[in-house]
Amino acid sequence: MPVRLADPRQLAHEYPGRLKVIKVNVDENQGLARRFDAVSIPTLVVLRDGNVVNRIVGAAPKEQLAAQIVPHLKPPKSEGAAPAT
């Protein structure tokens, strides 16, 4: 059975408000590609609070992507939690 490679945007739907996936055309955005050292395609750069926390180079199945991305997500906001003072 062939391994099914994931589209990282699928994970964004599973973690709404916690994960945003942005697809960049590196040919049209070469400065951004250089900034994040995206020399191989696909390259996923995982950012948290504006800092690179992980890089994933190459296609991977959904479970493998999730294992490398989900630990870096902020915890979900509690429903009905009182705002911090």
Protein backbone atom coordinates (compact mmCIF):
# COMPACT_ATOMS: atom_id res chain seq x y z
CA MET A 1 0.00 0.00 0.00
CA PRO A 2 1.56 3.36 -0.99
CA VAL A 3 2.22 5.98 1.66
CA ARG A 4 -0.07 8.96 1.28
CA LEU A 5 1.77 12.27 1.52
CA ALA A 6 0.06 15.03 3.43
CA ASP A 7 -0.82 18.57 2.55
CA PRO A 8 0.11 20.53 5.70
CA ARG A 9 -2.98 22.67 5.22
CA GLN A 10 -5.01 19.63 6.32
CA LEU A 11 -3.43 19.95 9.76
CA ALA A 12 -4.42 23.61 9.95
CA HIS A 13 -8.08 22.55 9.69
CA GLU A 14 -7.56 20.16 12.61
CA TYR A 15 -5.97 22.82 14.83
CA PRO A 16 -8.00 25.98 14.14
CA GLY A 17 -6.69 29.04 15.89
CA ARG A 18 -3.47 27.21 16.77
CA LEU A 19 -1.90 26.46 13.38
CA LYS A 20 -1.71 28.61 10.27
CA VAL A 21 -0.16 27.19 7.10
CA ILE A 22 0.98 29.57 4.40
CA LYS A 23 2.08 28.30 1.01
CA VAL A 24 4.76 30.40 -0.69
CA ASN A 25 5.86 30.25 -4.31
CA VAL A 26 9.64 30.46 -3.86
CA ASP A 27 10.17 31.46 -7.49
CA GLU A 28 8.01 34.54 -6.94
CA ASN A 29 9.26 35.21 -3.38
CA GLN A 30 12.99 34.54 -3.55
CA GLY A 31 13.79 36.91 -0.68
CA LEU A 32 11.48 35.00 1.65
CA ALA A 33 12.96 31.70 0.46
CA ARG A 34 16.45 33.00 1.31
CA ARG A 35 15.32 34.37 4.67
CA PHE A 36 14.09 30.93 5.72
CA ASP A 37 16.80 29.00 3.85
CA ALA A 38 14.28 27.11 1.73
CA VAL A 39 16.64 25.48 -0.76
CA SER A 40 14.71 22.22 -1.17
CA ILE A 41 11.07 21.91 -2.06
CA PRO A 42 8.96 21.28 -0.09
CA THR A 43 10.34 22.95 3.02
CA LEU A 44 8.10 23.63 6.01
CA VAL A 45 9.36 26.20 8.46
CA VAL A 46 7.59 25.97 11.82
CA LEU A 47 7.44 29.31 13.63
CA ARG A 48 6.25 30.04 17.13
CA ASP A 49 6.10 33.65 18.30
CA GLY A 50 8.09 34.62 15.19
CA ASN A 51 10.97 32.25 15.92
CA VAL A 52 11.90 29.17 13.88
CA VAL A 53 11.32 26.13 16.11
CA ASN A 54 11.52 23.37 13.50
CA ARG A 55 12.23 22.75 9.82
CA ILE A 56 10.80 19.89 7.81
CA VAL A 57 12.36 19.25 4.43
CA GLY A 58 10.68 16.87 2.01
CA ALA A 59 7.22 15.40 1.71
CA ALA A 60 5.91 13.28 4.55
CA PRO A 61 2.76 11.44 5.62
CA LYS A 62 0.29 13.34 7.79
CA GLU A 63 1.24 11.48 10.98
CA GLN A 64 4.91 12.37 10.55
CA LEU A 65 4.14 16.04 9.89
CA ALA A 66 1.84 16.17 12.92
CA ALA A 67 4.51 14.60 15.14
CA GLN A 68 6.93 17.37 14.16
CA ILE A 69 4.49 20.28 14.26
CA VAL A 70 1.94 19.68 17.03
CA PRO A 71 4.46 19.74 19.93
CA HIS A 72 5.27 23.35 18.99
CA LEU A 73 1.66 24.58 19.05
CA LYS A 74 0.40 26.69 21.89
CA PRO A 75 -2.12 24.91 24.10
CA PRO A 76 -5.76 25.36 23.11
CA LYS A 77 -7.60 28.19 24.79
CA SER A 78 -9.98 26.92 27.43
CA GLU A 79 -13.62 27.45 26.69
CA GLY A 80 -15.16 29.89 29.14
CA ALA A 81 -11.88 30.65 30.89
CA ALA A 82 -11.67 33.99 32.66
CA PRO A 83 -9.34 36.51 30.99
CA ALA A 84 -5.99 37.10 32.69
CA THR A 85 -5.79 40.22 34.82
